[in-house]
Amino acid sequence: MNYNNIFKEFFELITSDEFLEMSKIDSKSFTRNKNMNFRDIIYFMLSRGKDNTSVELDRYAQNEDIQPVSRQAYCKSRQKNKAFSI
């Protein structure tokens, strides 16, 4: 298996409804269509650089053409994910 297939399968997994349901803390998490949805949170965490969170969030929003998200809103959304709520 080559790297392209590995990455393709990985991104298919993290964008699947099954992964979303498995990752949510409760049934109400990630149900509204906000500026930074579940997929964006996962992508942001994977692509994050070394700058502070606010700078990285602004950069991500600009690159993805979405509304900027505050650090507090990002942290609150991230806590709705089982793997990152610890």
C-alpha atoms as a PDB file:
ATOM      1  CA  MET A   1       0.000   0.000   0.000  1.00  0.00           C
ATOM      2  CA  ASN A   2       1.456   3.376  -0.954  1.00  0.00           C
ATOM      3  CA  TYR A   3       1.227   6.675   0.924  1.00  0.00           C
ATOM      4  CA  ASN A   4      -1.449   8.088  -1.363  1.00  0.00           C
ATOM      5  CA  ASN A   5      -3.799   5.207  -0.544  1.00  0.00           C
ATOM      6  CA  ILE A   6      -3.039   5.484   3.168  1.00  0.00           C
ATOM      7  CA  PHE A   7      -3.830   9.210   3.201  1.00  0.00           C
ATOM      8  CA  LYS A   8      -6.925   8.723   1.069  1.00  0.00           C
ATOM      9  CA  GLU A   9      -8.284   6.048   3.415  1.00  0.00           C
ATOM     10  CA  PHE A  10      -7.393   8.145   6.464  1.00  0.00           C
ATOM     11  CA  PHE A  11      -9.238  11.211   5.163  1.00  0.00           C
ATOM     12  CA  GLU A  12     -12.212   9.093   4.130  1.00  0.00           C
ATOM     13  CA  LEU A  13     -12.314   7.720   7.669  1.00  0.00           C
ATOM     14  CA  ILE A  14     -12.139  11.065   9.474  1.00  0.00           C
ATOM     15  CA  THR A  15     -14.820  12.576   7.235  1.00  0.00           C
ATOM     16  CA  SER A  16     -17.224   9.646   7.574  1.00  0.00           C
ATOM     17  CA  ASP A  17     -20.474   9.813   9.523  1.00  0.00           C
ATOM     18  CA  GLU A  18     -19.414   6.718  11.474  1.00  0.00           C
ATOM     19  CA  PHE A  19     -16.263   8.441  12.741  1.00  0.00           C
ATOM     20  CA  LEU A  20     -18.273  11.513  13.702  1.00  0.00           C
ATOM     21  CA  GLU A  21     -20.790   9.448  15.670  1.00  0.00           C
ATOM     22  CA  MET A  22     -18.027   7.461  17.344  1.00  0.00           C
ATOM     23  CA  SER A  23     -16.149  10.644  18.318  1.00  0.00           C
ATOM     24  CA  LYS A  24     -19.004  12.702  19.755  1.00  0.00           C
ATOM     25  CA  ILE A  25     -19.403  13.017  23.523  1.00  0.00           C
ATOM     26  CA  ASP A  26     -23.193  13.034  23.217  1.00  0.00           C
ATOM     27  CA  SER A  27     -25.854  13.088  20.529  1.00  0.00           C
ATOM     28  CA  LYS A  28     -26.105  16.901  20.618  1.00  0.00           C
ATOM     29  CA  SER A  29     -22.444  17.493  19.749  1.00  0.00           C
ATOM     30  CA  PHE A  30     -21.677  18.788  16.245  1.00  0.00           C
ATOM     31  CA  THR A  31     -25.312  18.912  15.151  1.00  0.00           C
ATOM     32  CA  ARG A  32     -25.462  22.595  14.196  1.00  0.00           C
ATOM     33  CA  ASN A  33     -23.761  23.934  11.109  1.00  0.00           C
ATOM     34  CA  LYS A  34     -21.191  26.265  12.668  1.00  0.00           C
ATOM     35  CA  ASN A  35     -18.239  28.094  11.113  1.00  0.00           C
ATOM     36  CA  MET A  36     -15.849  25.340  12.173  1.00  0.00           C
ATOM     37  CA  ASN A  37     -17.512  21.941  11.901  1.00  0.00           C
ATOM     38  CA  PHE A  38     -16.174  18.561  13.015  1.00  0.00           C
ATOM     39  CA  ARG A  39     -14.164  18.036   9.825  1.00  0.00           C
ATOM     40  CA  ASP A  40     -12.567  21.478  10.143  1.00  0.00           C
ATOM     41  CA  ILE A  41     -11.575  20.819  13.749  1.00  0.00           C
ATOM     42  CA  ILE A  42      -9.872  17.550  12.812  1.00  0.00           C
ATOM     43  CA  TYR A  43      -8.141  19.107   9.791  1.00  0.00           C
ATOM     44  CA  PHE A  44      -7.021  22.090  11.868  1.00  0.00           C
ATOM     45  CA  MET A  45      -5.499  19.866  14.542  1.00  0.00           C
ATOM     46  CA  LEU A  46      -3.635  17.864  11.886  1.00  0.00           C
ATOM     47  CA  SER A  47      -2.340  20.908  10.011  1.00  0.00           C
ATOM     48  CA  ARG A  48      -1.531  23.134  12.954  1.00  0.00           C
ATOM     49  CA  GLY A  49       1.889  24.769  12.972  1.00  0.00           C
ATOM     50  CA  LYS A  50       3.969  26.262  15.762  1.00  0.00           C
ATOM     51  CA  ASP A  51       2.291  29.662  16.066  1.00  0.00           C
ATOM     52  CA  ASN A  52      -0.185  30.391  18.839  1.00  0.00           C
ATOM     53  CA  THR A  53      -3.699  29.047  18.481  1.00  0.00           C
ATOM     54  CA  SER A  54      -5.323  32.351  17.512  1.00  0.00           C
ATOM     55  CA  VAL A  55      -2.850  32.985  14.697  1.00  0.00           C
ATOM     56  CA  GLU A  56      -3.194  29.409  13.439  1.00  0.00           C
ATOM     57  CA  LEU A  57      -7.014  29.625  13.549  1.00  0.00           C
ATOM     58  CA  ASP A  58      -6.980  32.855  11.539  1.00  0.00           C
ATOM     59  CA  ARG A  59      -4.628  31.290   8.987  1.00  0.00           C
ATOM     60  CA  TYR A  60      -6.793  28.158   8.729  1.00  0.00           C
ATOM     61  CA  ALA A  61      -9.973  30.225   8.279  1.00  0.00           C
ATOM     62  CA  GLN A  62      -8.326  32.245   5.529  1.00  0.00           C
ATOM     63  CA  ASN A  63      -7.029  29.149   3.730  1.00  0.00           C
ATOM     64  CA  GLU A  64     -10.364  27.314   3.983  1.00  0.00           C
ATOM     65  CA  ASP A  65     -12.430  30.408   3.189  1.00  0.00           C
ATOM     66  CA  ILE A  66     -14.505  30.178   6.373  1.00  0.00           C
ATOM     67  CA  GLN A  67     -15.359  32.782   9.011  1.00  0.00           C
ATOM     68  CA  PRO A  68     -12.615  33.239  11.629  1.00  0.00           C
ATOM     69  CA  VAL A  69     -13.166  31.319  14.856  1.00  0.00           C
ATOM     70  CA  SER A  70     -12.048  32.444  18.301  1.00  0.00           C
ATOM     71  CA  ARG A  71      -9.662  30.349  20.358  1.00  0.00           C
ATOM     72  CA  GLN A  72     -12.388  29.913  22.976  1.00  0.00           C
ATOM     73  CA  ALA A  73     -14.915  28.645  20.416  1.00  0.00           C
ATOM     74  CA  TYR A  74     -12.342  26.227  18.995  1.00  0.00           C
ATOM     75  CA  CYS A  75     -11.455  24.863  22.446  1.00  0.00           C
ATOM     76  CA  LYS A  76     -15.123  24.455  23.350  1.00  0.00           C
ATOM     77  CA  SER A  77     -15.814  22.549  20.129  1.00  0.00           C
ATOM     78  CA  ARG A  78     -12.711  20.427  20.563  1.00  0.00           C
ATOM     79  CA  GLN A  79     -13.955  19.347  24.007  1.00  0.00           C
ATOM     80  CA  LYS A  80     -17.045  17.815  22.368  1.00  0.00           C
ATOM     81  CA  ASN A  81     -14.781  15.195  20.788  1.00  0.00           C
ATOM     82  CA  LYS A  82     -14.155  12.128  22.974  1.00  0.00           C
ATOM     83  CA  ALA A  83     -10.492  11.846  22.067  1.00  0.00           C
ATOM     84  CA  PHE A  84      -9.697  15.459  22.934  1.00  0.00           C
ATOM     85  CA  SER A  85     -11.985  16.121  25.903  1.00  0.00           C
ATOM     86  CA  ILE A  86      -9.574  14.718  28.491  1.00  0.00           C
END
